[in-house]
PDB file of N, CA and C in Angstrom:
ATOM      1  N   MET A   1      94.144 114.067  96.768  1.00  0.00           N
ATOM      2  CA  MET A   1      94.302 112.900  95.916  1.00  0.00           C
ATOM      3  C   MET A   1      93.878 113.284  94.503  1.00  0.00           C
ATOM      4  N   THR A   2      94.656 112.877  93.539  1.00  0.00           N
ATOM      5  CA  THR A   2      94.327 113.179  92.151  1.00  0.00           C
ATOM      6  C   THR A   2      93.812 111.928  91.459  1.00  0.00           C
ATOM      7  N   ASN A   3      93.199 112.128  90.312  1.00  0.00           N
ATOM      8  CA  ASN A   3      92.703 111.003  89.525  1.00  0.00           C
ATOM      9  C   ASN A   3      93.892 110.220  88.990  1.00  0.00           C
ATOM     10  N   GLN A   4      94.035 109.000  89.452  1.00  0.00           N
ATOM     11  CA  GLN A   4      95.169 108.166  89.082  1.00  0.00           C
ATOM     12  C   GLN A   4      94.852 107.177  87.962  1.00  0.00           C
ATOM     13  N   PHE A   5      93.608 107.141  87.504  1.00  0.00           N
ATOM     14  CA  PHE A   5      93.227 106.099  86.552  1.00  0.00           C
ATOM     15  C   PHE A   5      94.119 106.055  85.315  1.00  0.00           C
ATOM     16  N   ALA A   6      94.317 107.180  84.652  1.00  0.00           N
ATOM     17  CA  ALA A   6      95.104 107.186  83.409  1.00  0.00           C
ATOM     18  C   ALA A   6      96.532 106.721  83.658  1.00  0.00           C
ATOM     19  N   THR A   7      97.114 107.166  84.750  1.00  0.00           N
ATOM     20  CA  THR A   7      98.484 106.762  85.095  1.00  0.00           C
ATOM     21  C   THR A   7      98.551 105.259  85.352  1.00  0.00           C
ATOM     22  N   ARG A   8      97.614 104.767  86.137  1.00  0.00           N
ATOM     23  CA  ARG A   8      97.602 103.328  86.448  1.00  0.00           C
ATOM     24  C   ARG A   8      97.326 102.496  85.200  1.00  0.00           C
ATOM     25  N   LEU A   9      96.452 102.973  84.330  1.00  0.00           N
ATOM     26  CA  LEU A   9      96.165 102.238  83.101  1.00  0.00           C
ATOM     27  C   LEU A   9      97.423 102.120  82.250  1.00  0.00           C
ATOM     28  N   LYS A  10      98.137 103.211  82.102  1.00  0.00           N
ATOM     29  CA  LYS A  10      99.388 103.176  81.328  1.00  0.00           C
ATOM     30  C   LYS A  10     100.376 102.183  81.941  1.00  0.00           C
ATOM     31  N   GLU A  11     100.444 102.159  83.263  1.00  0.00           N
ATOM     32  CA  GLU A  11     101.367 101.249  83.951  1.00  0.00           C
ATOM     33  C   GLU A  11     101.010  99.789  83.690  1.00  0.00           C
ATOM     34  N   VAL A  12      99.731  99.439  83.842  1.00  0.00           N
ATOM     35  CA  VAL A  12      99.364  98.037  83.659  1.00  0.00           C
ATOM     36  C   VAL A  12      99.497  97.602  82.209  1.00  0.00           C
ATOM     37  N   ILE A  13      99.278  98.522  81.287  1.00  0.00           N
ATOM     38  CA  ILE A  13      99.481  98.195  79.867  1.00  0.00           C
ATOM     39  C   ILE A  13     100.952  97.896  79.626  1.00  0.00           C
ATOM     40  N   GLU A  14     101.817  98.763  80.121  1.00  0.00           N
ATOM     41  CA  GLU A  14     103.254  98.568  79.932  1.00  0.00           C
ATOM     42  C   GLU A  14     103.732  97.278  80.592  1.00  0.00           C
ATOM     43  N   GLU A  15     103.273  97.041  81.819  1.00  0.00           N
ATOM     44  CA  GLU A  15     103.691  95.839  82.548  1.00  0.00           C
ATOM     45  C   GLU A  15     103.178  94.556  81.896  1.00  0.00           C
ATOM     46  N   SER A  16     102.085  94.647  81.162  1.00  0.00           N
ATOM     47  CA  SER A  16     101.530  93.449  80.524  1.00  0.00           C
ATOM     48  C   SER A  16     102.419  92.953  79.384  1.00  0.00           C
ATOM     49  N   GLY A  17     103.188  93.877  78.800  1.00  0.00           N
ATOM     50  CA  GLY A  17     104.036  93.506  77.671  1.00  0.00           C
ATOM     51  C   GLY A  17     103.267  93.286  76.377  1.00  0.00           C
ATOM     52  N   LYS A  18     101.991  93.609  76.379  1.00  0.00           N
ATOM     53  CA  LYS A  18     101.160  93.403  75.192  1.00  0.00           C
ATOM     54  C   LYS A  18     101.083  94.669  74.373  1.00  0.00           C
ATOM     55  N   MET A  19     100.898  94.497  73.100  1.00  0.00           N
ATOM     56  CA  MET A  19     100.676  95.616  72.194  1.00  0.00           C
ATOM     57  C   MET A  19      99.256  96.149  72.434  1.00  0.00           C
ATOM     58  N   GLN A  20      99.104  97.467  72.316  1.00  0.00           N
ATOM     59  CA  GLN A  20      97.791  98.064  72.541  1.00  0.00           C
ATOM     60  C   GLN A  20      96.747  97.539  71.571  1.00  0.00           C
ATOM     61  N   LYS A  21      97.151  97.274  70.332  1.00  0.00           N
ATOM     62  CA  LYS A  21      96.191  96.749  69.354  1.00  0.00           C
ATOM     63  C   LYS A  21      95.683  95.373  69.783  1.00  0.00           C
ATOM     64  N   ASP A  22      96.554  94.583  70.417  1.00  0.00           N
ATOM     65  CA  ASP A  22      96.146  93.261  70.890  1.00  0.00           C
ATOM     66  C   ASP A  22      95.209  93.373  72.100  1.00  0.00           C
ATOM     67  N   ILE A  23      95.502  94.311  72.988  1.00  0.00           N
ATOM     68  CA  ILE A  23      94.632  94.552  74.138  1.00  0.00           C
ATOM     69  C   ILE A  23      93.245  94.960  73.651  1.00  0.00           C
ATOM     70  N   CYS A  24      93.201  95.868  72.693  1.00  0.00           N
ATOM     71  CA  CYS A  24      91.916  96.321  72.141  1.00  0.00           C
ATOM     72  C   CYS A  24      91.161  95.167  71.500  1.00  0.00           C
ATOM     73  N   ALA A  25      91.861  94.324  70.777  1.00  0.00           N
ATOM     74  CA  ALA A  25      91.211  93.169  70.153  1.00  0.00           C
ATOM     75  C   ALA A  25      90.683  92.208  71.218  1.00  0.00           C
ATOM     76  N   ASP A  26      91.488  91.953  72.246  1.00  0.00           N
ATOM     77  CA  ASP A  26      91.064  91.048  73.324  1.00  0.00           C
ATOM     78  C   ASP A  26      89.827  91.574  74.044  1.00  0.00           C
ATOM     79  N   LEU A  27      89.787  92.889  74.258  1.00  0.00           N
ATOM     80  CA  LEU A  27      88.696  93.500  75.019  1.00  0.00           C
ATOM     81  C   LEU A  27      87.526  93.954  74.150  1.00  0.00           C
ATOM     82  N   HIS A  28      87.687  93.840  72.842  1.00  0.00           N
ATOM     83  CA  HIS A  28      86.653  94.268  71.891  1.00  0.00           C
ATOM     84  C   HIS A  28      86.311  95.746  72.063  1.00  0.00           C
ATOM     85  N   ILE A  29      87.373  96.552  72.155  1.00  0.00           N
ATOM     86  CA  ILE A  29      87.205  98.003  72.231  1.00  0.00           C
ATOM     87  C   ILE A  29      88.049  98.634  71.120  1.00  0.00           C
ATOM     88  N   SER A  30      87.716  99.852  70.773  1.00  0.00           N
ATOM     89  CA  SER A  30      88.474 100.533  69.726  1.00  0.00           C
ATOM     90  C   SER A  30      89.782 101.087  70.283  1.00  0.00           C
ATOM     91  N   LYS A  31      90.728 101.291  69.379  1.00  0.00           N
ATOM     92  CA  LYS A  31      91.999 101.911  69.770  1.00  0.00           C
ATOM     93  C   LYS A  31      91.753 103.331  70.264  1.00  0.00           C
ATOM     94  N   GLN A  32      90.776 103.998  69.672  1.00  0.00           N
ATOM     95  CA  GLN A  32      90.443 105.362  70.082  1.00  0.00           C
ATOM     96  C   GLN A  32      89.937 105.402  71.519  1.00  0.00           C
ATOM     97  N   LYS A  33      89.128 104.422  71.889  1.00  0.00           N
ATOM     98  CA  LYS A  33      88.601 104.379  73.253  1.00  0.00           C
ATOM     99  C   LYS A  33      89.737 104.227  74.249  1.00  0.00           C
ATOM    100  N   LEU A  34      90.649 103.315  73.980  1.00  0.00           N
ATOM    101  CA  LEU A  34      91.785 103.111  74.877  1.00  0.00           C
ATOM    102  C   LEU A  34      92.639 104.373  74.944  1.00  0.00           C
ATOM    103  N   SER A  35      92.859 104.994  73.824  1.00  0.00           N
ATOM    104  CA  SER A  35      93.641 106.226  73.780  1.00  0.00           C
ATOM    105  C   SER A  35      92.988 107.334  74.605  1.00  0.00           C
ATOM    106  N   LYS A  36      91.681 107.461  74.503  1.00  0.00           N
ATOM    107  CA  LYS A  36      90.967 108.493  75.267  1.00  0.00           C
ATOM    108  C   LYS A  36      91.064 108.231  76.769  1.00  0.00           C
ATOM    109  N   TRP A  37      91.039 106.973  77.173  1.00  0.00           N
ATOM    110  CA  TRP A  37      91.197 106.653  78.587  1.00  0.00           C
ATOM    111  C   TRP A  37      92.600 107.019  79.065  1.00  0.00           C
ATOM    112  N   LYS A  38      93.585 106.718  78.248  1.00  0.00           N
ATOM    113  CA  LYS A  38      94.981 106.985  78.633  1.00  0.00           C
ATOM    114  C   LYS A  38      95.299 108.474  78.707  1.00  0.00           C
ATOM    115  N   THR A  39      94.603 109.271  77.927  1.00  0.00           N
ATOM    116  CA  THR A  39      94.882 110.712  77.897  1.00  0.00           C
ATOM    117  C   THR A  39      93.910 111.511  78.769  1.00  0.00           C
ATOM    118  N   ARG A  40      93.072 110.824  79.524  1.00  0.00           N
ATOM    119  CA  ARG A  40      92.086 111.449  80.408  1.00  0.00           C
ATOM    120  C   ARG A  40      91.011 112.233  79.650  1.00  0.00           C
ATOM    121  N   TYR A  41      90.911 112.000  78.363  1.00  0.00           N
ATOM    122  CA  TYR A  41      89.865 112.662  77.581  1.00  0.00           C
ATOM    123  C   TYR A  41      88.501 112.099  77.953  1.00  0.00           C
ATOM    124  N   ASN A  42      88.485 110.823  78.307  1.00  0.00           N
ATOM    125  CA  ASN A  42      87.260 110.128  78.643  1.00  0.00           C
ATOM    126  C   ASN A  42      87.586 109.103  79.717  1.00  0.00           C
ATOM    127  N   GLU A  43      86.576 108.627  80.428  1.00  0.00           N
ATOM    128  CA  GLU A  43      86.767 107.608  81.450  1.00  0.00           C
ATOM    129  C   GLU A  43      85.869 106.414  81.151  1.00  0.00           C
ATOM    130  N   PRO A  44      86.296 105.234  81.573  1.00  0.00           N
ATOM    131  CA  PRO A  44      85.485 104.039  81.315  1.00  0.00           C
ATOM    132  C   PRO A  44      84.228 104.008  82.170  1.00  0.00           C
ATOM    133  N   SER A  45      83.242 103.292  81.668  1.00  0.00           N
ATOM    134  CA  SER A  45      82.037 103.037  82.469  1.00  0.00           C
ATOM    135  C   SER A  45      82.407 102.050  83.578  1.00  0.00           C
ATOM    136  N   MET A  46      81.491 101.825  84.489  1.00  0.00           N
ATOM    137  CA  MET A  46      81.736 100.869  85.573  1.00  0.00           C
ATOM    138  C   MET A  46      82.016  99.478  84.991  1.00  0.00           C
ATOM    139  N   ASP A  47      81.230  99.056  84.016  1.00  0.00           N
ATOM    140  CA  ASP A  47      81.447  97.740  83.401  1.00  0.00           C
ATOM    141  C   ASP A  47      82.816  97.667  82.722  1.00  0.00           C
ATOM    142  N   GLU A  48      83.210  98.737  82.055  1.00  0.00           N
ATOM    143  CA  GLU A  48      84.515  98.759  81.383  1.00  0.00           C
ATOM    144  C   GLU A  48      85.647  98.752  82.396  1.00  0.00           C
ATOM    145  N   LEU A  49      85.459  99.430  83.508  1.00  0.00           N
ATOM    146  CA  LEU A  49      86.468  99.452  84.561  1.00  0.00           C
ATOM    147  C   LEU A  49      86.665  98.050  85.140  1.00  0.00           C
ATOM    148  N   ILE A  50      85.585  97.359  85.373  1.00  0.00           N
ATOM    149  CA  ILE A  50      85.660  95.980  85.865  1.00  0.00           C
ATOM    150  C   ILE A  50      86.343  95.088  84.837  1.00  0.00           C
ATOM    151  N   MET A  51      86.000  95.266  83.567  1.00  0.00           N
ATOM    152  CA  MET A  51      86.616  94.493  82.489  1.00  0.00           C
ATOM    153  C   MET A  51      88.129  94.697  82.481  1.00  0.00           C
ATOM    154  N   LEU A  52      88.581  95.947  82.616  1.00  0.00           N
ATOM    155  CA  LEU A  52      90.014  96.248  82.644  1.00  0.00           C
ATOM    156  C   LEU A  52      90.691  95.600  83.850  1.00  0.00           C
ATOM    157  N   ALA A  53      90.060  95.697  85.009  1.00  0.00           N
ATOM    158  CA  ALA A  53      90.634  95.109  86.220  1.00  0.00           C
ATOM    159  C   ALA A  53      90.793  93.598  86.061  1.00  0.00           C
ATOM    160  N   LEU A  54      89.783  92.945  85.532  1.00  0.00           N
ATOM    161  CA  LEU A  54      89.867  91.498  85.330  1.00  0.00           C
ATOM    162  C   LEU A  54      90.929  91.147  84.292  1.00  0.00           C
ATOM    163  N   TYR A  55      90.977  91.906  83.228  1.00  0.00           N
ATOM    164  CA  TYR A  55      91.933  91.637  82.144  1.00  0.00           C
ATOM    165  C   TYR A  55      93.371  91.762  82.630  1.00  0.00           C
ATOM    166  N   PHE A  56      93.657  92.815  83.386  1.00  0.00           N
ATOM    167  CA  PHE A  56      95.024  93.053  83.836  1.00  0.00           C
ATOM    168  C   PHE A  56      95.318  92.432  85.206  1.00  0.00           C
ATOM    169  N   ASP A  57      94.332  91.728  85.759  1.00  0.00           N
ATOM    170  CA  ASP A  57      94.475  91.039  87.046  1.00  0.00           C
ATOM    171  C   ASP A  57      94.896  91.996  88.163  1.00  0.00           C
ATOM    172  N   VAL A  58      94.195  93.115  88.228  1.00  0.00           N
ATOM    173  CA  VAL A  58      94.384  94.090  89.298  1.00  0.00           C
ATOM    174  C   VAL A  58      93.004  94.436  89.840  1.00  0.00           C
ATOM    175  N   SER A  59      92.965  95.112  90.959  1.00  0.00           N
ATOM    176  CA  SER A  59      91.670  95.503  91.513  1.00  0.00           C
ATOM    177  C   SER A  59      91.195  96.821  90.893  1.00  0.00           C
ATOM    178  N   VAL A  60      89.904  97.023  90.934  1.00  0.00           N
ATOM    179  CA  VAL A  60      89.343  98.297  90.501  1.00  0.00           C
ATOM    180  C   VAL A  60      89.901  99.403  91.385  1.00  0.00           C
ATOM    181  N   ASP A  61      90.029  99.129  92.672  1.00  0.00           N
ATOM    182  CA  ASP A  61      90.604 100.126  93.590  1.00  0.00           C
ATOM    183  C   ASP A  61      92.008 100.520  93.163  1.00  0.00           C
ATOM    184  N   TYR A  62      92.794  99.561  92.687  1.00  0.00           N
ATOM    185  CA  TYR A  62      94.143  99.889  92.218  1.00  0.00           C
ATOM    186  C   TYR A  62      94.075 100.808  90.999  1.00  0.00           C
ATOM    187  N   LEU A  63      93.235 100.454  90.026  1.00  0.00           N
ATOM    188  CA  LEU A  63      93.121 101.281  88.828  1.00  0.00           C
ATOM    189  C   LEU A  63      92.667 102.705  89.156  1.00  0.00           C
ATOM    190  N   LEU A  64      91.840 102.836  90.177  1.00  0.00           N
ATOM    191  CA  LEU A  64      91.341 104.148  90.555  1.00  0.00           C
ATOM    192  C   LEU A  64      92.301 104.914  91.468  1.00  0.00           C
ATOM    193  N   GLY A  65      93.375 104.253  91.889  1.00  0.00           N
ATOM    194  CA  GLY A  65      94.347 104.923  92.744  1.00  0.00           C
ATOM    195  C   GLY A  65      93.949 104.954  94.207  1.00  0.00           C
ATOM    196  N   LEU A  66      93.062 104.066  94.611  1.00  0.00           N
ATOM    197  CA  LEU A  66      92.629 104.025  96.005  1.00  0.00           C
ATOM    198  C   LEU A  66      93.521 103.150  96.866  1.00  0.00           C
ATOM    199  N   VAL A  67      94.227 102.214  96.237  1.00  0.00           N
ATOM    200  CA  VAL A  67      95.178 101.361  96.945  1.00  0.00           C
ATOM    201  C   VAL A  67      96.479 101.336  96.156  1.00  0.00           C
ATOM    202  N   ASP A  68      97.558 100.983  96.854  1.00  0.00           N
ATOM    203  CA  ASP A  68      98.839 100.885  96.170  1.00  0.00           C
ATOM    204  C   ASP A  68      99.051  99.459  95.668  1.00  0.00           C
ATOM    205  N   GLU A  69     100.263  99.174  95.199  1.00  0.00           N
ATOM    206  CA  GLU A  69     100.573  97.862  94.621  1.00  0.00           C
ATOM    207  C   GLU A  69     100.382  96.728  95.612  1.00  0.00           C
ATOM    208  N   THR A  70     100.539  97.011  96.901  1.00  0.00           N
ATOM    209  CA  THR A  70     100.406  95.975  97.928  1.00  0.00           C
ATOM    210  C   THR A  70      98.963  95.774  98.360  1.00  0.00           C
ATOM    211  N   GLY A  71      98.083  96.659  97.927  1.00  0.00           N
ATOM    212  CA  GLY A  71      96.692  96.596  98.337  1.00  0.00           C
ATOM    213  C   GLY A  71      96.386  97.476  99.537  1.00  0.00           C
ATOM    214  N   ALA A  72      97.404  98.198 100.017  1.00  0.00           N
ATOM    215  CA  ALA A  72      97.197  99.093 101.157  1.00  0.00           C
ATOM    216  C   ALA A  72      96.443 100.336 100.700  1.00  0.00           C
ATOM    217  N   ARG A  73      95.452 100.702 101.480  1.00  0.00           N
ATOM    218  CA  ARG A  73      94.647 101.878 101.157  1.00  0.00           C
ATOM    219  C   ARG A  73      95.502 103.129 101.210  1.00  0.00           C
ATOM    220  N   ILE A  74      95.347 103.975 100.203  1.00  0.00           N
ATOM    221  CA  ILE A  74      96.075 105.233 100.134  1.00  0.00           C
ATOM    222  C   ILE A  74      95.271 106.278 100.894  1.00  0.00           C
ATOM    223  N   LYS A  75      95.917 106.893 101.840  1.00  0.00           N
ATOM    224  CA  LYS A  75      95.239 107.930 102.629  1.00  0.00           C
ATOM    225  C   LYS A  75      95.370 109.252 101.917  1.00  0.00           C
ATOM    226  N   GLY A  76      94.329 110.022 101.966  1.00  0.00           N
ATOM    227  CA  GLY A  76      94.353 111.327 101.320  1.00  0.00           C
ATOM    228  C   GLY A  76      93.161 112.141 101.722  1.00  0.00           C
ATOM    229  N   ASP A  77      93.164 113.356 101.278  1.00  0.00           N
ATOM    230  CA  ASP A  77      92.077 114.282 101.552  1.00  0.00           C
ATOM    231  C   ASP A  77      90.916 113.961 100.625  1.00  0.00           C
ATOM    232  N   ILE A  78      89.805 113.552 101.194  1.00  0.00           N
ATOM    233  CA  ILE A  78      88.638 113.166 100.396  1.00  0.00           C
ATOM    234  C   ILE A  78      88.154 114.331  99.546  1.00  0.00           C
ATOM    235  N   SER A  79      88.172 115.526 100.061  1.00  0.00           N
ATOM    236  CA  SER A  79      87.685 116.671  99.303  1.00  0.00           C
ATOM    237  C   SER A  79      88.526 116.948  98.073  1.00  0.00           C
ATOM    238  N   ALA A  80      89.821 116.594  98.114  1.00  0.00           N
ATOM    239  CA  ALA A  80      90.701 116.817  96.961  1.00  0.00           C
ATOM    240  C   ALA A  80      90.361 115.887  95.805  1.00  0.00           C
ATOM    241  N   SER A  81      89.806 114.710  96.094  1.00  0.00           N
ATOM    242  CA  SER A  81      89.502 113.758  95.029  1.00  0.00           C
ATOM    243  C   SER A  81      88.263 114.136  94.238  1.00  0.00           C
ATOM    244  N   THR A  82      87.492 115.086  94.748  1.00  0.00           N
ATOM    245  CA  THR A  82      86.270 115.474  94.055  1.00  0.00           C
ATOM    246  C   THR A  82      86.438 116.729  93.238  1.00  0.00           C
ATOM    247  N   LYS A  83      87.637 117.268  93.197  1.00  0.00           N
ATOM    248  CA  LYS A  83      87.900 118.502  92.450  1.00  0.00           C
ATOM    249  C   LYS A  83      88.235 118.213  91.029  1.00  0.00           C
TER     250      LYS A  83
END
């Protein structure tokens, strides 16, 4: 299993139909912070992850790639997710 956060974040941003500058204003975060999350340069804190999940109305598990769109748990090799 690979880190799906950046991919899922890009998807929920696109599906929201909102401009990134508006998302940043709504969440009170910088454009640079959002950009770093999207490019895997940096990852959100636990509080920021929860904030994103609530904002985009998805689960934290979805953002992390642990479940799919239906909420079904994604099966994978646990050791691969820690690499």
